[in-house]
Amino acid sequence: MIQHDDGHVRLPLLVTGVAGVAGYNAFAYFRRLYGEQVIGTRRVDNWPLSGEGIEPCDADDRDGLVRLCRKYRFASVLNCEGTCKLKSCELDPAMARRINVEGLSYLLEAIGPEPRFVHLSIDLVFSGRREGGYTEEHPTDPVTVYGATMVESERLVAHYRPDACTLRISLPMGISFNGHAGAIDWIGSRFRKNKPATLYFDEVRTPAYTDCLNRLFRRVLASNLSGLYHAGGPRRLSLFQIAQIVNRVGGYDPDLLMGCLRHQAGPIPPRAGDVTLDSSKLAQALGHDVLDPWPYTERFVPDDSNWHRRRSRIHPGSPELLTRVLYRNPVRG
């Protein structure tokens, strides 16, 4: 169990990587709670992502990070930074390591040993060759460059900040800044443009609402929980099933959804298999389950490969329904 949790996040708070789905939603959440005491960072060249509290600073800009930390003197840091584009990482491993590993080392150096530090990792540190249900004790064996760099980042945090907490998440289900990042927006953007989307039958994940993740981040930031924890949702879904849900709930053309096995896809990037996470250690530490299933309602869960083709006249699906039940947890949003 957590030894100390007074419900108060030490401020000011830095949220890095606000261009990603997890960081974007976390920054908005904490900004609503704490206003000007929350600062977010994004890449310098990502100029469309601007607004109050957003600072342009590249992850590998060592001097820029030092200047930023001297300016604000952060008391807490939620690190959502990282490049997760699988193909880009495979084609440029040096770039992936520069952002995901070296950038993290610069951040740790810039903030120093005092601020509360929570670091996000990913389920893709595993290959998925076993039948999922990975615990924190299972050895990592990533099949992608991205996954390998995230393993390095975990080790870096464990070595230099043993008092920090690393949370391995799966797919964060929420809105993205650019409208086509993350699972829901990428799949939905294909369907909205009347373009097909091909997803895998045998890549299985444990997605979670960003609503739930935000509350988890707040709880962990306000505590002294340290070490490595899995933070995957309780519902196991293949990427094809996730696309089925987006297709039917969004009211899109069912003929646009295609499915295949991982080995039928191209060699770059390689795909993981069943990388579902067992998050019981986190639930035990917190005293309860903190992540609801995505989607929350059982009737939106596919039961066969043609589920997305069966439409109800009463509930035909629409973008508005998708927003209500997939972007936001209907019981927490």
C-alpha atoms as a PDB file:
ATOM      1  CA  MET A   1       0.000   0.000   0.000  1.00  0.00           C
ATOM      2  CA  ILE A   2       1.038   3.619  -0.522  1.00  0.00           C
ATOM      3  CA  GLN A   3       2.591   4.933   2.675  1.00  0.00           C
ATOM      4  CA  HIS A   4       1.754   8.568   1.975  1.00  0.00           C
ATOM      5  CA  ASP A   5      -1.038  10.004  -0.151  1.00  0.00           C
ATOM      6  CA  ASP A   6      -2.433  13.339   1.034  1.00  0.00           C
ATOM      7  CA  GLY A   7      -4.182  14.108  -2.250  1.00  0.00           C
ATOM      8  CA  HIS A   8      -1.962  17.098  -2.970  1.00  0.00           C
ATOM      9  CA  VAL A   9       0.320  17.271  -6.002  1.00  0.00           C
ATOM     10  CA  ARG A  10       3.432  19.308  -5.309  1.00  0.00           C
ATOM     11  CA  LEU A  11       3.421  22.382  -7.534  1.00  0.00           C
ATOM     12  CA  PRO A  12       4.460  23.684  -9.967  1.00  0.00           C
ATOM     13  CA  LEU A  13       3.983  20.633 -12.190  1.00  0.00           C
ATOM     14  CA  LEU A  14       5.670  19.900 -15.517  1.00  0.00           C
ATOM     15  CA  VAL A  15       3.910  17.645 -18.045  1.00  0.00           C
ATOM     16  CA  THR A  16       6.260  16.747 -20.894  1.00  0.00           C
ATOM     17  CA  GLY A  17       5.205  15.505 -24.322  1.00  0.00           C
ATOM     18  CA  VAL A  18       1.803  17.191 -24.574  1.00  0.00           C
ATOM     19  CA  ALA A  19       1.535  16.339 -28.287  1.00  0.00           C
ATOM     20  CA  GLY A  20       0.837  12.695 -27.433  1.00  0.00           C
ATOM     21  CA  VAL A  21      -2.578  11.441 -26.398  1.00  0.00           C
ATOM     22  CA  ALA A  22      -1.607  10.708 -22.781  1.00  0.00           C
ATOM     23  CA  GLY A  23       0.271  13.986 -22.344  1.00  0.00           C
ATOM     24  CA  TYR A  24      -2.302  16.111 -24.152  1.00  0.00           C
ATOM     25  CA  ASN A  25      -5.169  14.915 -21.985  1.00  0.00           C
ATOM     26  CA  ALA A  26      -3.121  14.974 -18.777  1.00  0.00           C
ATOM     27  CA  PHE A  27      -1.985  18.554 -19.400  1.00  0.00           C
ATOM     28  CA  ALA A  28      -5.577  19.715 -19.965  1.00  0.00           C
ATOM     29  CA  TYR A  29      -6.733  17.869 -16.833  1.00  0.00           C
ATOM     30  CA  PHE A  30      -4.058  19.266 -14.541  1.00  0.00           C
ATOM     31  CA  ARG A  31      -4.358  22.724 -16.051  1.00  0.00           C
ATOM     32  CA  ARG A  32      -8.059  22.732 -15.142  1.00  0.00           C
ATOM     33  CA  LEU A  33      -7.149  21.729 -11.598  1.00  0.00           C
ATOM     34  CA  TYR A  34      -4.125  23.928 -10.944  1.00  0.00           C
ATOM     35  CA  GLY A  35      -4.146  26.636 -13.616  1.00  0.00           C
ATOM     36  CA  GLU A  36      -0.909  28.527 -14.198  1.00  0.00           C
ATOM     37  CA  GLN A  37       1.038  26.206 -11.927  1.00  0.00           C
ATOM     38  CA  VAL A  38       1.022  23.559 -14.679  1.00  0.00           C
ATOM     39  CA  ILE A  39       3.424  23.800 -17.627  1.00  0.00           C
ATOM     40  CA  GLY A  40       3.580  21.527 -20.660  1.00  0.00           C
ATOM     41  CA  THR A  41       6.285  21.014 -23.279  1.00  0.00           C
ATOM     42  CA  ARG A  42       6.106  20.209 -26.967  1.00  0.00           C
ATOM     43  CA  ARG A  43       8.621  20.078 -29.819  1.00  0.00           C
ATOM     44  CA  VAL A  44       9.789  23.444 -31.104  1.00  0.00           C
ATOM     45  CA  ASP A  45       8.672  22.662 -34.659  1.00  0.00           C
ATOM     46  CA  ASN A  46       5.163  21.681 -33.534  1.00  0.00           C
ATOM     47  CA  TRP A  47       4.071  25.326 -33.590  1.00  0.00           C
ATOM     48  CA  PRO A  48       0.338  24.635 -34.114  1.00  0.00           C
ATOM     49  CA  LEU A  49       0.240  23.230 -30.582  1.00  0.00           C
ATOM     50  CA  SER A  50       0.272  26.457 -28.623  1.00  0.00           C
ATOM     51  CA  GLY A  51      -1.597  28.101 -25.797  1.00  0.00           C
ATOM     52  CA  GLU A  52      -1.257  29.186 -22.205  1.00  0.00           C
ATOM     53  CA  GLY A  53       1.224  27.116 -20.274  1.00  0.00           C
ATOM     54  CA  ILE A  54       2.748  25.344 -23.306  1.00  0.00           C
ATOM     55  CA  GLU A  55       6.494  25.833 -23.701  1.00  0.00           C
ATOM     56  CA  PRO A  56       8.370  24.840 -26.892  1.00  0.00           C
ATOM     57  CA  CYS A  57      11.332  22.702 -25.867  1.00  0.00           C
ATOM     58  CA  ASP A  58      12.790  19.685 -27.664  1.00  0.00           C
ATOM     59  CA  ALA A  59      13.452  16.572 -25.610  1.00  0.00           C
ATOM     60  CA  ASP A  60      17.085  16.475 -26.727  1.00  0.00           C
ATOM     61  CA  ASP A  61      17.725  20.189 -26.040  1.00  0.00           C
ATOM     62  CA  ARG A  62      19.848  19.843 -22.934  1.00  0.00           C
ATOM     63  CA  ASP A  63      20.395  23.560 -22.385  1.00  0.00           C
ATOM     64  CA  GLY A  64      16.760  24.379 -23.124  1.00  0.00           C
ATOM     65  CA  LEU A  65      15.573  21.933 -20.468  1.00  0.00           C
ATOM     66  CA  VAL A  66      17.941  23.459 -17.917  1.00  0.00           C
ATOM     67  CA  ARG A  67      16.647  26.956 -18.682  1.00  0.00           C
ATOM     68  CA  LEU A  68      13.035  25.766 -18.413  1.00  0.00           C
ATOM     69  CA  CYS A  69      13.588  24.105 -15.049  1.00  0.00           C
ATOM     70  CA  ARG A  70      15.461  27.106 -13.668  1.00  0.00           C
ATOM     71  CA  LYS A  71      12.606  29.360 -14.765  1.00  0.00           C
ATOM     72  CA  TYR A  72       9.790  27.388 -13.110  1.00  0.00           C
ATOM     73  CA  ARG A  73      11.543  25.308 -10.397  1.00  0.00           C
ATOM     74  CA  PHE A  74       9.195  22.364 -10.795  1.00  0.00           C
ATOM     75  CA  ALA A  75       8.214  20.364  -7.726  1.00  0.00           C
ATOM     76  CA  SER A  76       6.645  17.511  -9.751  1.00  0.00           C
ATOM     77  CA  VAL A  77       7.156  16.078 -13.229  1.00  0.00           C
ATOM     78  CA  LEU A  78       4.902  13.778 -15.260  1.00  0.00           C
ATOM     79  CA  ASN A  79       7.059  12.545 -18.131  1.00  0.00           C
ATOM     80  CA  CYS A  80       4.916  11.663 -21.179  1.00  0.00           C
ATOM     81  CA  GLU A  81       7.656  12.565 -23.652  1.00  0.00           C
ATOM     82  CA  GLY A  82       8.805  10.153 -26.339  1.00  0.00           C
ATOM     83  CA  THR A  83       8.614   9.338 -30.012  1.00  0.00           C
ATOM     84  CA  CYS A  84       6.301   6.363 -30.529  1.00  0.00           C
ATOM     85  CA  LYS A  85       5.971   6.228 -34.328  1.00  0.00           C
ATOM     86  CA  LEU A  86       6.962   2.616 -34.899  1.00  0.00           C
ATOM     87  CA  LYS A  87       8.110   2.919 -38.514  1.00  0.00           C
ATOM     88  CA  SER A  88      10.074   6.128 -37.938  1.00  0.00           C
ATOM     89  CA  CYS A  89      11.884   4.525 -35.030  1.00  0.00           C
ATOM     90  CA  GLU A  90      12.741   1.432 -37.077  1.00  0.00           C
ATOM     91  CA  LEU A  91      14.139   3.548 -39.918  1.00  0.00           C
ATOM     92  CA  ASP A  92      16.082   5.875 -37.617  1.00  0.00           C
ATOM     93  CA  PRO A  93      17.111   4.086 -34.411  1.00  0.00           C
ATOM     94  CA  ALA A  94      19.541   6.882 -33.515  1.00  0.00           C
ATOM     95  CA  MET A  95      16.698   9.397 -33.518  1.00  0.00           C
ATOM     96  CA  ALA A  96      14.543   7.102 -31.358  1.00  0.00           C
ATOM     97  CA  ARG A  97      17.305   6.701 -28.803  1.00  0.00           C
ATOM     98  CA  ARG A  98      18.129  10.405 -28.835  1.00  0.00           C
ATOM     99  CA  ILE A  99      14.544  11.301 -27.901  1.00  0.00           C
ATOM    100  CA  ASN A 100      13.474   8.378 -25.722  1.00  0.00           C
ATOM    101  CA  VAL A 101      16.701   7.711 -23.830  1.00  0.00           C
ATOM    102  CA  GLU A 102      19.130  10.620 -24.099  1.00  0.00           C
ATOM    103  CA  GLY A 103      16.303  13.149 -23.826  1.00  0.00           C
ATOM    104  CA  LEU A 104      15.166  11.456 -20.617  1.00  0.00           C
ATOM    105  CA  SER A 105      18.684  11.647 -19.175  1.00  0.00           C
ATOM    106  CA  TYR A 106      18.784  15.386 -19.943  1.00  0.00           C
ATOM    107  CA  LEU A 107      15.417  15.863 -18.234  1.00  0.00           C
ATOM    108  CA  LEU A 108      16.522  13.983 -15.107  1.00  0.00           C
ATOM    109  CA  GLU A 109      19.692  16.060 -15.002  1.00  0.00           C
ATOM    110  CA  ALA A 110      17.777  19.328 -15.466  1.00  0.00           C
ATOM    111  CA  ILE A 111      15.166  18.729 -12.744  1.00  0.00           C
ATOM    112  CA  GLY A 112      17.602  17.349 -10.193  1.00  0.00           C
ATOM    113  CA  PRO A 113      16.856  14.852  -7.400  1.00  0.00           C
ATOM    114  CA  GLU A 114      14.134  16.725  -5.515  1.00  0.00           C
ATOM    115  CA  PRO A 115      10.952  16.904  -7.671  1.00  0.00           C
ATOM    116  CA  ARG A 116       8.420  14.077  -7.574  1.00  0.00           C
ATOM    117  CA  PHE A 117       8.967  12.135 -10.821  1.00  0.00           C
ATOM    118  CA  VAL A 118       6.462   9.887 -12.610  1.00  0.00           C
ATOM    119  CA  HIS A 119       7.546   8.320 -15.890  1.00  0.00           C
ATOM    120  CA  LEU A 120       5.319   6.689 -18.515  1.00  0.00           C
ATOM    121  CA  SER A 121       6.441   3.579 -20.359  1.00  0.00           C
ATOM    122  CA  ILE A 122       4.519   1.208 -22.639  1.00  0.00           C
ATOM    123  CA  ASP A 123       3.311  -2.376 -23.014  1.00  0.00           C
ATOM    124  CA  LEU A 124       5.435  -2.734 -26.164  1.00  0.00           C
ATOM    125  CA  VAL A 125       8.476  -3.517 -24.023  1.00  0.00           C
ATOM    126  CA  PHE A 126       7.112  -7.061 -24.464  1.00  0.00           C
ATOM    127  CA  SER A 127       6.971  -9.150 -27.634  1.00  0.00           C
ATOM    128  CA  GLY A 128       3.588 -10.751 -27.019  1.00  0.00           C
ATOM    129  CA  ARG A 129       4.897 -14.222 -27.840  1.00  0.00           C
ATOM    130  CA  ARG A 130       3.253 -15.599 -24.703  1.00  0.00           C
ATOM    131  CA  GLU A 131      -0.487 -15.420 -24.018  1.00  0.00           C
ATOM    132  CA  GLY A 132      -0.418 -11.944 -22.520  1.00  0.00           C
ATOM    133  CA  GLY A 133      -1.144 -11.167 -18.892  1.00  0.00           C
ATOM    134  CA  TYR A 134       2.347  -9.773 -18.422  1.00  0.00           C
ATOM    135  CA  THR A 135       3.358  -8.877 -14.879  1.00  0.00           C
ATOM    136  CA  GLU A 136       6.192  -6.601 -13.796  1.00  0.00           C
ATOM    137  CA  GLU A 137       8.315  -9.698 -13.125  1.00  0.00           C
ATOM    138  CA  HIS A 138       8.257 -10.937 -16.729  1.00  0.00           C
ATOM    139  CA  PRO A 139      11.483 -10.190 -18.657  1.00  0.00           C
ATOM    140  CA  THR A 140      11.212  -7.578 -21.386  1.00  0.00           C
ATOM    141  CA  ASP A 141      11.750  -8.722 -24.975  1.00  0.00           C
ATOM    142  CA  PRO A 142      10.632  -5.951 -27.369  1.00  0.00           C
ATOM    143  CA  VAL A 143      10.364  -6.598 -31.108  1.00  0.00           C
ATOM    144  CA  THR A 144      10.609  -2.915 -32.094  1.00  0.00           C
ATOM    145  CA  VAL A 145      13.227  -0.187 -31.761  1.00  0.00           C
ATOM    146  CA  TYR A 146      10.626   1.893 -29.950  1.00  0.00           C
ATOM    147  CA  GLY A 147      10.077  -0.844 -27.380  1.00  0.00           C
ATOM    148  CA  ALA A 148      13.816  -1.308 -26.916  1.00  0.00           C
ATOM    149  CA  THR A 149      14.349   2.400 -26.226  1.00  0.00           C
ATOM    150  CA  MET A 150      11.527   2.350 -23.692  1.00  0.00           C
ATOM    151  CA  VAL A 151      13.240  -0.534 -21.876  1.00  0.00           C
ATOM    152  CA  GLU A 152      16.370   1.627 -21.715  1.00  0.00           C
ATOM    153  CA  SER A 153      14.353   4.555 -20.381  1.00  0.00           C
ATOM    154  CA  GLU A 154      12.865   2.395 -17.623  1.00  0.00           C
ATOM    155  CA  ARG A 155      16.323   1.289 -16.540  1.00  0.00           C
ATOM    156  CA  LEU A 156      17.548   4.868 -16.586  1.00  0.00           C
ATOM    157  CA  VAL A 157      14.789   5.996 -14.237  1.00  0.00           C
ATOM    158  CA  ALA A 158      15.313   3.018 -11.930  1.00  0.00           C
ATOM    159  CA  HIS A 159      19.039   3.743 -11.692  1.00  0.00           C
ATOM    160  CA  TYR A 160      19.035   7.509 -11.227  1.00  0.00           C
ATOM    161  CA  ARG A 161      15.675   7.990  -9.493  1.00  0.00           C
ATOM    162  CA  PRO A 162      14.783   4.878  -7.458  1.00  0.00           C
ATOM    163  CA  ASP A 163      12.237   7.023  -5.613  1.00  0.00           C
ATOM    164  CA  ALA A 164      10.343   7.647  -8.867  1.00  0.00           C
ATOM    165  CA  CYS A 165       7.377   5.703 -10.226  1.00  0.00           C
ATOM    166  CA  THR A 166       7.278   4.203 -13.715  1.00  0.00           C
ATOM    167  CA  LEU A 167       3.852   3.330 -15.097  1.00  0.00           C
ATOM    168  CA  ARG A 168       3.612   1.021 -18.092  1.00  0.00           C
ATOM    169  CA  ILE A 169       0.448   1.983 -19.943  1.00  0.00           C
ATOM    170  CA  SER A 170      -1.180   0.489 -23.014  1.00  0.00           C
ATOM    171  CA  LEU A 171      -3.273   2.460 -25.501  1.00  0.00           C
ATOM    172  CA  PRO A 172      -4.544   5.736 -23.966  1.00  0.00           C
ATOM    173  CA  MET A 173      -8.065   6.222 -25.295  1.00  0.00           C
ATOM    174  CA  GLY A 174      -8.888   9.902 -25.631  1.00  0.00           C
ATOM    175  CA  ILE A 175      -8.823  12.814 -28.010  1.00  0.00           C
ATOM    176  CA  SER A 176      -5.575  13.815 -29.733  1.00  0.00           C
ATOM    177  CA  PHE A 177      -4.298  17.273 -30.543  1.00  0.00           C
ATOM    178  CA  ASN A 178      -3.992  16.805 -34.299  1.00  0.00           C
ATOM    179  CA  GLY A 179      -7.071  14.630 -34.822  1.00  0.00           C
ATOM    180  CA  HIS A 180      -5.232  11.585 -36.181  1.00  0.00           C
ATOM    181  CA  ALA A 181      -2.914  10.430 -33.395  1.00  0.00           C
ATOM    182  CA  GLY A 182      -3.765   7.600 -31.056  1.00  0.00           C
ATOM    183  CA  ALA A 183      -5.994   4.626 -31.749  1.00  0.00           C
ATOM    184  CA  ILE A 184      -9.425   6.275 -31.861  1.00  0.00           C
ATOM    185  CA  ASP A 185      -8.430   9.309 -33.912  1.00  0.00           C
ATOM    186  CA  TRP A 186      -6.250   7.431 -36.404  1.00  0.00           C
ATOM    187  CA  ILE A 187      -8.879   4.791 -37.102  1.00  0.00           C
ATOM    188  CA  GLY A 188     -11.704   7.334 -37.138  1.00  0.00           C
ATOM    189  CA  SER A 189      -9.794   9.655 -39.455  1.00  0.00           C
ATOM    190  CA  ARG A 190      -9.512   6.865 -42.034  1.00  0.00           C
ATOM    191  CA  PHE A 191     -13.227   6.118 -41.893  1.00  0.00           C
ATOM    192  CA  ARG A 192     -14.229   9.799 -42.017  1.00  0.00           C
ATOM    193  CA  LYS A 193     -12.204  10.196 -45.215  1.00  0.00           C
ATOM    194  CA  ASN A 194     -13.872   7.082 -46.687  1.00  0.00           C
ATOM    195  CA  LYS A 195     -10.516   5.277 -46.624  1.00  0.00           C
ATOM    196  CA  PRO A 196      -9.974   1.687 -45.502  1.00  0.00           C
ATOM    197  CA  ALA A 197      -8.199   0.800 -42.277  1.00  0.00           C
ATOM    198  CA  THR A 198      -6.454  -2.551 -41.788  1.00  0.00           C
ATOM    199  CA  LEU A 199      -5.947  -3.746 -38.228  1.00  0.00           C
ATOM    200  CA  TYR A 200      -4.531  -6.924 -36.716  1.00  0.00           C
ATOM    201  CA  PHE A 201      -6.473  -9.852 -35.308  1.00  0.00           C
ATOM    202  CA  ASP A 202      -3.555 -11.009 -33.160  1.00  0.00           C
ATOM    203  CA  GLU A 203      -2.129  -7.830 -31.623  1.00  0.00           C
ATOM    204  CA  VAL A 204      -3.905  -7.558 -28.277  1.00  0.00           C
ATOM    205  CA  ARG A 205      -3.752  -4.624 -25.877  1.00  0.00           C
ATOM    206  CA  THR A 206      -5.303  -3.401 -22.610  1.00  0.00           C
ATOM    207  CA  PRO A 207      -6.507   0.145 -23.425  1.00  0.00           C
ATOM    208  CA  ALA A 208      -7.660   2.673 -20.827  1.00  0.00           C
ATOM    209  CA  TYR A 209      -9.654   5.890 -20.888  1.00  0.00           C
ATOM    210  CA  THR A 210      -7.517   8.998 -20.473  1.00  0.00           C
ATOM    211  CA  ASP A 211     -10.119  10.089 -17.885  1.00  0.00           C
ATOM    212  CA  CYS A 212      -9.036   7.163 -15.721  1.00  0.00           C
ATOM    213  CA  LEU A 213      -5.344   7.621 -16.464  1.00  0.00           C
ATOM    214  CA  ASN A 214      -5.493  11.301 -15.469  1.00  0.00           C
ATOM    215  CA  ARG A 215      -6.896  10.416 -12.062  1.00  0.00           C
ATOM    216  CA  LEU A 216      -4.272   7.713 -11.696  1.00  0.00           C
ATOM    217  CA  PHE A 217      -1.477  10.176 -12.527  1.00  0.00           C
ATOM    218  CA  ARG A 218      -2.814  12.620  -9.932  1.00  0.00           C
ATOM    219  CA  ARG A 219      -2.990   9.907  -7.287  1.00  0.00           C
ATOM    220  CA  VAL A 220       0.546   8.676  -7.970  1.00  0.00           C
ATOM    221  CA  LEU A 221       2.041  12.177  -8.191  1.00  0.00           C
ATOM    222  CA  ALA A 222       0.546  12.959  -4.776  1.00  0.00           C
ATOM    223  CA  SER A 223       2.036   9.801  -3.243  1.00  0.00           C
ATOM    224  CA  ASN A 224       5.442   8.284  -2.584  1.00  0.00           C
ATOM    225  CA  LEU A 225       4.747   5.187  -4.694  1.00  0.00           C
ATOM    226  CA  SER A 226       8.016   4.091  -6.270  1.00  0.00           C
ATOM    227  CA  GLY A 227       9.156   1.414  -8.658  1.00  0.00           C
ATOM    228  CA  LEU A 228       7.576  -0.163 -11.726  1.00  0.00           C
ATOM    229  CA  TYR A 229       3.832  -0.782 -12.130  1.00  0.00           C
ATOM    230  CA  HIS A 230       1.571  -1.931 -14.933  1.00  0.00           C
ATOM    231  CA  ALA A 231      -1.346   0.400 -15.668  1.00  0.00           C
ATOM    232  CA  GLY A 232      -3.344  -1.358 -18.355  1.00  0.00           C
ATOM    233  CA  GLY A 233      -7.116  -1.461 -18.470  1.00  0.00           C
ATOM    234  CA  PRO A 234      -9.063  -4.571 -17.404  1.00  0.00           C
ATOM    235  CA  ARG A 235     -10.493  -5.341 -20.871  1.00  0.00           C
ATOM    236  CA  ARG A 236      -8.355  -7.209 -23.450  1.00  0.00           C
ATOM    237  CA  LEU A 237      -8.999  -6.172 -27.054  1.00  0.00           C
ATOM    238  CA  SER A 238      -7.272  -6.846 -30.352  1.00  0.00           C
ATOM    239  CA  LEU A 239      -6.537  -3.908 -32.629  1.00  0.00           C
ATOM    240  CA  PHE A 240      -9.173  -5.297 -34.993  1.00  0.00           C
ATOM    241  CA  GLN A 241     -11.762  -5.306 -32.202  1.00  0.00           C
ATOM    242  CA  ILE A 242     -10.850  -1.735 -31.295  1.00  0.00           C
ATOM    243  CA  ALA A 243     -11.413  -0.744 -34.916  1.00  0.00           C
ATOM    244  CA  GLN A 244     -14.743  -2.593 -34.910  1.00  0.00           C
ATOM    245  CA  ILE A 245     -15.836  -0.533 -31.921  1.00  0.00           C
ATOM    246  CA  VAL A 246     -14.811   2.767 -33.520  1.00  0.00           C
ATOM    247  CA  ASN A 247     -16.489   1.766 -36.780  1.00  0.00           C
ATOM    248  CA  ARG A 248     -19.846   0.747 -35.318  1.00  0.00           C
ATOM    249  CA  VAL A 249     -20.128   3.291 -32.509  1.00  0.00           C
ATOM    250  CA  GLY A 250     -19.068   6.064 -34.894  1.00  0.00           C
ATOM    251  CA  GLY A 251     -21.612   4.985 -37.499  1.00  0.00           C
ATOM    252  CA  TYR A 252     -18.999   4.526 -40.246  1.00  0.00           C
ATOM    253  CA  ASP A 253     -19.138   2.308 -43.338  1.00  0.00           C
ATOM    254  CA  PRO A 254     -18.390  -1.279 -42.173  1.00  0.00           C
ATOM    255  CA  ASP A 255     -16.844  -2.155 -45.546  1.00  0.00           C
ATOM    256  CA  LEU A 256     -13.929   0.173 -44.771  1.00  0.00           C
ATOM    257  CA  LEU A 257     -12.634  -2.076 -41.987  1.00  0.00           C
ATOM    258  CA  MET A 258     -10.134  -4.758 -42.997  1.00  0.00           C
ATOM    259  CA  GLY A 259      -8.392  -7.309 -40.821  1.00  0.00           C
ATOM    260  CA  CYS A 260      -5.286  -9.456 -41.124  1.00  0.00           C
ATOM    261  CA  LEU A 261      -2.732 -11.360 -39.078  1.00  0.00           C
ATOM    262  CA  ARG A 262       0.552  -9.704 -38.125  1.00  0.00           C
ATOM    263  CA  HIS A 263       2.650 -11.939 -40.354  1.00  0.00           C
ATOM    264  CA  GLN A 264       0.587 -10.825 -43.358  1.00  0.00           C
ATOM    265  CA  ALA A 265       1.704  -7.214 -42.885  1.00  0.00           C
ATOM    266  CA  GLY A 266       4.957  -5.736 -44.101  1.00  0.00           C
ATOM    267  CA  PRO A 267       8.219  -6.395 -42.240  1.00  0.00           C
ATOM    268  CA  ILE A 268       8.570  -2.756 -41.117  1.00  0.00           C
ATOM    269  CA  PRO A 269       7.586  -2.105 -38.466  1.00  0.00           C
ATOM    270  CA  PRO A 270       7.457  -5.510 -36.780  1.00  0.00           C
ATOM    271  CA  ARG A 271       4.296  -6.006 -34.717  1.00  0.00           C
ATOM    272  CA  ALA A 272       3.935  -7.326 -31.194  1.00  0.00           C
ATOM    273  CA  GLY A 273       1.377  -9.990 -30.299  1.00  0.00           C
ATOM    274  CA  ASP A 274      -0.608 -10.309 -27.090  1.00  0.00           C
ATOM    275  CA  VAL A 275       1.014  -7.705 -24.833  1.00  0.00           C
ATOM    276  CA  THR A 276      -1.882  -7.422 -22.374  1.00  0.00           C
ATOM    277  CA  LEU A 277      -0.858  -6.212 -18.925  1.00  0.00           C
ATOM    278  CA  ASP A 278      -1.722  -7.631 -15.524  1.00  0.00           C
ATOM    279  CA  SER A 279      -2.183  -4.525 -13.355  1.00  0.00           C
ATOM    280  CA  SER A 280      -3.055  -6.258 -10.075  1.00  0.00           C
ATOM    281  CA  LYS A 281       0.153  -5.035  -8.404  1.00  0.00           C
ATOM    282  CA  LEU A 282      -0.932  -1.421  -8.944  1.00  0.00           C
ATOM    283  CA  ALA A 283      -4.445  -2.130  -7.671  1.00  0.00           C
ATOM    284  CA  GLN A 284      -2.986  -3.711  -4.556  1.00  0.00           C
ATOM    285  CA  ALA A 285      -0.676  -0.735  -3.979  1.00  0.00           C
ATOM    286  CA  LEU A 286      -3.512   1.757  -4.337  1.00  0.00           C
ATOM    287  CA  GLY A 287      -6.084  -0.327  -2.488  1.00  0.00           C
ATOM    288  CA  HIS A 288      -8.519  -0.553  -5.411  1.00  0.00           C
ATOM    289  CA  ASP A 289      -8.771  -0.796  -9.202  1.00  0.00           C
ATOM    290  CA  VAL A 290      -8.327   2.657 -10.701  1.00  0.00           C
ATOM    291  CA  LEU A 291      -8.940   1.912 -14.386  1.00  0.00           C
ATOM    292  CA  ASP A 292     -12.377   1.134 -15.778  1.00  0.00           C
ATOM    293  CA  PRO A 293     -12.754  -1.068 -18.870  1.00  0.00           C
ATOM    294  CA  TRP A 294     -12.674   0.561 -22.293  1.00  0.00           C
ATOM    295  CA  PRO A 295     -15.305   0.760 -23.615  1.00  0.00           C
ATOM    296  CA  TYR A 296     -17.194   0.991 -20.363  1.00  0.00           C
ATOM    297  CA  THR A 297     -20.468  -0.446 -21.689  1.00  0.00           C
ATOM    298  CA  GLU A 298     -20.514  -4.172 -22.444  1.00  0.00           C
ATOM    299  CA  ARG A 299     -22.871  -3.729 -25.406  1.00  0.00           C
ATOM    300  CA  PHE A 300     -20.090  -1.947 -27.285  1.00  0.00           C
ATOM    301  CA  VAL A 301     -17.760  -4.955 -27.063  1.00  0.00           C
ATOM    302  CA  PRO A 302     -17.509  -7.124 -30.232  1.00  0.00           C
ATOM    303  CA  ASP A 303     -18.401 -10.801 -29.939  1.00  0.00           C
ATOM    304  CA  ASP A 304     -17.354 -11.898 -33.458  1.00  0.00           C
ATOM    305  CA  SER A 305     -15.632 -10.605 -36.593  1.00  0.00           C
ATOM    306  CA  ASN A 306     -18.887  -9.335 -38.131  1.00  0.00           C
ATOM    307  CA  TRP A 307     -20.118  -7.509 -35.031  1.00  0.00           C
ATOM    308  CA  HIS A 308     -19.437  -4.071 -36.551  1.00  0.00           C
ATOM    309  CA  ARG A 309     -21.769  -4.851 -39.465  1.00  0.00           C
ATOM    310  CA  ARG A 310     -24.803  -5.355 -37.260  1.00  0.00           C
ATOM    311  CA  ARG A 311     -26.456  -1.972 -36.783  1.00  0.00           C
ATOM    312  CA  SER A 312     -29.492  -1.070 -34.719  1.00  0.00           C
ATOM    313  CA  ARG A 313     -32.120   1.322 -36.051  1.00  0.00           C
ATOM    314  CA  ILE A 314     -32.452   2.723 -32.551  1.00  0.00           C
ATOM    315  CA  HIS A 315     -28.688   3.034 -32.028  1.00  0.00           C
ATOM    316  CA  PRO A 316     -27.154   3.264 -35.528  1.00  0.00           C
ATOM    317  CA  GLY A 317     -23.970   4.919 -34.272  1.00  0.00           C
ATOM    318  CA  SER A 318     -22.688   8.451 -34.803  1.00  0.00           C
ATOM    319  CA  PRO A 319     -19.619  10.630 -34.170  1.00  0.00           C
ATOM    320  CA  GLU A 320     -21.545  12.194 -31.289  1.00  0.00           C
ATOM    321  CA  LEU A 321     -22.072   8.790 -29.656  1.00  0.00           C
ATOM    322  CA  LEU A 322     -18.402   7.967 -30.179  1.00  0.00           C
ATOM    323  CA  THR A 323     -17.425  11.163 -28.380  1.00  0.00           C
ATOM    324  CA  ARG A 324     -19.711  10.373 -25.446  1.00  0.00           C
ATOM    325  CA  VAL A 325     -18.689   6.767 -24.820  1.00  0.00           C
ATOM    326  CA  LEU A 326     -15.240   6.200 -26.365  1.00  0.00           C
ATOM    327  CA  TYR A 327     -13.346   9.479 -25.899  1.00  0.00           C
ATOM    328  CA  ARG A 328     -14.721   9.964 -22.402  1.00  0.00           C
ATOM    329  CA  ASN A 329     -15.607   7.485 -19.722  1.00  0.00           C
ATOM    330  CA  PRO A 330     -19.407   7.877 -19.454  1.00  0.00           C
ATOM    331  CA  VAL A 331     -19.308   7.369 -15.678  1.00  0.00           C
ATOM    332  CA  ARG A 332     -16.300   9.597 -14.974  1.00  0.00           C
ATOM    333  CA  GLY A 333     -16.103  12.128 -17.795  1.00  0.00           C
END
